[in-house]
Amino acid sequence: MMKREGSSARAQQMTAPHMQGLQGDLQVVFDVLYEMGVIEPVLKMDWQAHLRGMESQVSATRLQLDDVIRQVNRCEGDASKIREKLASLAPTTLEVLAIEVAREYANFHSRDMVH
């Protein structure tokens, strides 16, 4: 299980409040998104078109994602609480969260390979 803890994660939160990352076990969040049917469609989407659309709404999307990340972090890795929070979100918001989970996984693995 991958947990994102420690001073570097806390430092990132304090220095960049609009770039807060998911805390705790990313696998739990991924599993919930997968069970909700979010992951597979995200993997199949046209990434160039999706990223262009996100670029036109960067600040609104980032603020919305920050709010979702705070909600997920407050669940402290409890899959049923995470599922409950995510069930009320729009499909596009869930897609952005799935992309964020993938980004954080990639960052984790790139740091792991460097060290």
C-alpha atoms as a PDB file:
ATOM      1  CA  MET A   1       0.000   0.000   0.000  1.00  0.00           C
ATOM      2  CA  MET A   2       1.211   3.457  -0.825  1.00  0.00           C
ATOM      3  CA  LYS A   3       0.739   6.114   1.751  1.00  0.00           C
ATOM      4  CA  ARG A   4       1.613   9.693   1.146  1.00  0.00           C
ATOM      5  CA  GLU A   5       2.700  11.050   4.468  1.00  0.00           C
ATOM      6  CA  GLY A   6       5.490  12.988   6.033  1.00  0.00           C
ATOM      7  CA  SER A   7       6.938  16.430   5.984  1.00  0.00           C
ATOM      8  CA  SER A   8       7.125  16.774   2.199  1.00  0.00           C
ATOM      9  CA  ALA A   9       3.361  16.236   1.799  1.00  0.00           C
ATOM     10  CA  ARG A  10       2.618  18.671   4.636  1.00  0.00           C
ATOM     11  CA  ALA A  11       5.070  21.216   3.228  1.00  0.00           C
ATOM     12  CA  GLN A  12       3.386  20.982  -0.170  1.00  0.00           C
ATOM     13  CA  GLN A  13       0.011  21.701   1.456  1.00  0.00           C
ATOM     14  CA  MET A  14       1.294  24.727   3.365  1.00  0.00           C
ATOM     15  CA  THR A  15       3.177  26.315   0.472  1.00  0.00           C
ATOM     16  CA  ALA A  16       0.614  25.672  -2.269  1.00  0.00           C
ATOM     17  CA  PRO A  17      -2.931  25.612  -0.901  1.00  0.00           C
ATOM     18  CA  HIS A  18      -4.421  25.271  -4.372  1.00  0.00           C
ATOM     19  CA  MET A  19      -2.241  22.265  -5.179  1.00  0.00           C
ATOM     20  CA  GLN A  20      -3.164  20.054  -2.233  1.00  0.00           C
ATOM     21  CA  GLY A  21      -2.630  16.379  -2.859  1.00  0.00           C
ATOM     22  CA  LEU A  22      -4.537  13.328  -1.817  1.00  0.00           C
ATOM     23  CA  GLN A  23      -3.476  12.091   1.590  1.00  0.00           C
ATOM     24  CA  GLY A  24      -3.311   8.476   2.682  1.00  0.00           C
ATOM     25  CA  ASP A  25      -3.731   5.367   0.617  1.00  0.00           C
ATOM     26  CA  LEU A  26      -4.214   6.180  -3.066  1.00  0.00           C
ATOM     27  CA  GLN A  27      -5.203   2.573  -3.713  1.00  0.00           C
ATOM     28  CA  VAL A  28      -8.395   3.007  -1.660  1.00  0.00           C
ATOM     29  CA  VAL A  29      -9.422   6.052  -3.689  1.00  0.00           C
ATOM     30  CA  PHE A  30      -8.543   4.266  -6.940  1.00  0.00           C
ATOM     31  CA  ASP A  31     -10.542   1.182  -5.896  1.00  0.00           C
ATOM     32  CA  VAL A  32     -13.612   3.263  -5.036  1.00  0.00           C
ATOM     33  CA  LEU A  33     -13.405   5.112  -8.365  1.00  0.00           C
ATOM     34  CA  TYR A  34     -12.986   1.786 -10.171  1.00  0.00           C
ATOM     35  CA  GLU A  35     -15.986   0.248  -8.379  1.00  0.00           C
ATOM     36  CA  MET A  36     -18.037   3.315  -9.321  1.00  0.00           C
ATOM     37  CA  GLY A  37     -17.157   2.746 -12.989  1.00  0.00           C
ATOM     38  CA  VAL A  38     -15.069   5.907 -13.358  1.00  0.00           C
ATOM     39  CA  ILE A  39     -11.612   4.512 -14.141  1.00  0.00           C
ATOM     40  CA  GLU A  40     -12.308   2.520 -17.304  1.00  0.00           C
ATOM     41  CA  PRO A  41     -13.997   5.359 -19.258  1.00  0.00           C
ATOM     42  CA  VAL A  42     -11.197   7.741 -18.216  1.00  0.00           C
ATOM     43  CA  LEU A  43      -8.625   5.317 -19.609  1.00  0.00           C
ATOM     44  CA  LYS A  44     -10.515   5.209 -22.925  1.00  0.00           C
ATOM     45  CA  MET A  45     -11.053   8.958 -23.368  1.00  0.00           C
ATOM     46  CA  ASP A  46      -9.406  11.191 -25.961  1.00  0.00           C
ATOM     47  CA  TRP A  47      -6.771  12.760 -23.735  1.00  0.00           C
ATOM     48  CA  GLN A  48      -5.805  15.583 -26.090  1.00  0.00           C
ATOM     49  CA  ALA A  49      -9.385  16.832 -26.348  1.00  0.00           C
ATOM     50  CA  HIS A  50      -9.968  16.386 -22.623  1.00  0.00           C
ATOM     51  CA  LEU A  51      -6.820  18.285 -21.637  1.00  0.00           C
ATOM     52  CA  ARG A  52      -7.641  21.129 -24.047  1.00  0.00           C
ATOM     53  CA  GLY A  53     -11.073  21.421 -22.439  1.00  0.00           C
ATOM     54  CA  MET A  54      -9.542  21.449 -18.971  1.00  0.00           C
ATOM     55  CA  GLU A  55      -7.049  24.170 -19.955  1.00  0.00           C
ATOM     56  CA  SER A  56      -9.914  26.524 -20.797  1.00  0.00           C
ATOM     57  CA  GLN A  57     -11.330  26.046 -17.289  1.00  0.00           C
ATOM     58  CA  VAL A  58      -8.097  25.699 -15.301  1.00  0.00           C
ATOM     59  CA  SER A  59      -8.901  27.860 -12.273  1.00  0.00           C
ATOM     60  CA  ALA A  60     -12.492  26.638 -11.854  1.00  0.00           C
ATOM     61  CA  THR A  61     -11.458  23.004 -12.315  1.00  0.00           C
ATOM     62  CA  ARG A  62      -8.545  23.368  -9.879  1.00  0.00           C
ATOM     63  CA  LEU A  63     -10.726  24.933  -7.179  1.00  0.00           C
ATOM     64  CA  GLN A  64     -13.370  22.247  -7.624  1.00  0.00           C
ATOM     65  CA  LEU A  65     -10.725  19.517  -7.491  1.00  0.00           C
ATOM     66  CA  ASP A  66      -9.196  21.041  -4.355  1.00  0.00           C
ATOM     67  CA  ASP A  67     -12.601  20.871  -2.657  1.00  0.00           C
ATOM     68  CA  VAL A  68     -13.068  17.221  -3.667  1.00  0.00           C
ATOM     69  CA  ILE A  69      -9.547  16.350  -2.458  1.00  0.00           C
ATOM     70  CA  ARG A  70     -10.271  17.980   0.916  1.00  0.00           C
ATOM     71  CA  GLN A  71     -13.484  15.951   1.183  1.00  0.00           C
ATOM     72  CA  VAL A  72     -11.688  12.703   0.324  1.00  0.00           C
ATOM     73  CA  ASN A  73      -8.831  13.471   2.728  1.00  0.00           C
ATOM     74  CA  ARG A  74     -11.331  13.997   5.560  1.00  0.00           C
ATOM     75  CA  CYS A  75     -12.524  10.414   5.013  1.00  0.00           C
ATOM     76  CA  GLU A  76      -9.105   9.218   6.263  1.00  0.00           C
ATOM     77  CA  GLY A  77      -8.951   6.221   3.930  1.00  0.00           C
ATOM     78  CA  ASP A  78     -12.375   4.821   4.854  1.00  0.00           C
ATOM     79  CA  ALA A  79     -13.648   3.401   1.547  1.00  0.00           C
ATOM     80  CA  SER A  80     -17.326   3.572   2.509  1.00  0.00           C
ATOM     81  CA  LYS A  81     -17.027   7.257   3.502  1.00  0.00           C
ATOM     82  CA  ILE A  82     -15.117   8.024   0.298  1.00  0.00           C
ATOM     83  CA  ARG A  83     -17.775   6.231  -1.787  1.00  0.00           C
ATOM     84  CA  GLU A  84     -20.514   8.183  -0.015  1.00  0.00           C
ATOM     85  CA  LYS A  85     -18.787  11.523  -0.724  1.00  0.00           C
ATOM     86  CA  LEU A  86     -18.025  10.704  -4.346  1.00  0.00           C
ATOM     87  CA  ALA A  87     -21.522   9.373  -5.105  1.00  0.00           C
ATOM     88  CA  SER A  88     -22.918  12.909  -5.016  1.00  0.00           C
ATOM     89  CA  LEU A  89     -20.409  14.355  -7.500  1.00  0.00           C
ATOM     90  CA  ALA A  90     -20.881  15.003 -11.197  1.00  0.00           C
ATOM     91  CA  PRO A  91     -19.290  12.496 -13.605  1.00  0.00           C
ATOM     92  CA  THR A  92     -16.908  15.154 -14.960  1.00  0.00           C
ATOM     93  CA  THR A  93     -15.688  15.907 -11.430  1.00  0.00           C
ATOM     94  CA  LEU A  94     -15.081  12.201 -10.851  1.00  0.00           C
ATOM     95  CA  GLU A  95     -13.108  12.047 -14.105  1.00  0.00           C
ATOM     96  CA  VAL A  96     -10.875  14.906 -12.973  1.00  0.00           C
ATOM     97  CA  LEU A  97     -10.364  13.157  -9.616  1.00  0.00           C
ATOM     98  CA  ALA A  98      -9.421   9.931 -11.429  1.00  0.00           C
ATOM     99  CA  ILE A  99      -6.855  11.884 -13.449  1.00  0.00           C
ATOM    100  CA  GLU A 100      -5.478  13.383 -10.221  1.00  0.00           C
ATOM    101  CA  VAL A 101      -5.155   9.911  -8.661  1.00  0.00           C
ATOM    102  CA  ALA A 102      -3.258   8.764 -11.763  1.00  0.00           C
ATOM    103  CA  ARG A 103      -1.011  11.837 -11.590  1.00  0.00           C
ATOM    104  CA  GLU A 104      -0.216  11.238  -7.935  1.00  0.00           C
ATOM    105  CA  TYR A 105       0.504   7.550  -8.614  1.00  0.00           C
ATOM    106  CA  ALA A 106       2.897   8.590 -11.386  1.00  0.00           C
ATOM    107  CA  ASN A 107       4.613  11.113  -9.088  1.00  0.00           C
ATOM    108  CA  PHE A 108       4.934   8.499  -6.350  1.00  0.00           C
ATOM    109  CA  HIS A 109       6.436   5.933  -8.690  1.00  0.00           C
ATOM    110  CA  SER A 110       8.836   8.414 -10.279  1.00  0.00           C
ATOM    111  CA  ARG A 111      10.135   9.426  -6.818  1.00  0.00           C
ATOM    112  CA  ASP A 112      10.360   5.778  -5.822  1.00  0.00           C
ATOM    113  CA  MET A 113      12.424   4.924  -8.904  1.00  0.00           C
ATOM    114  CA  VAL A 114      14.808   7.880  -8.408  1.00  0.00           C
ATOM    115  CA  HIS A 115      15.620   6.968  -4.809  1.00  0.00           C
END
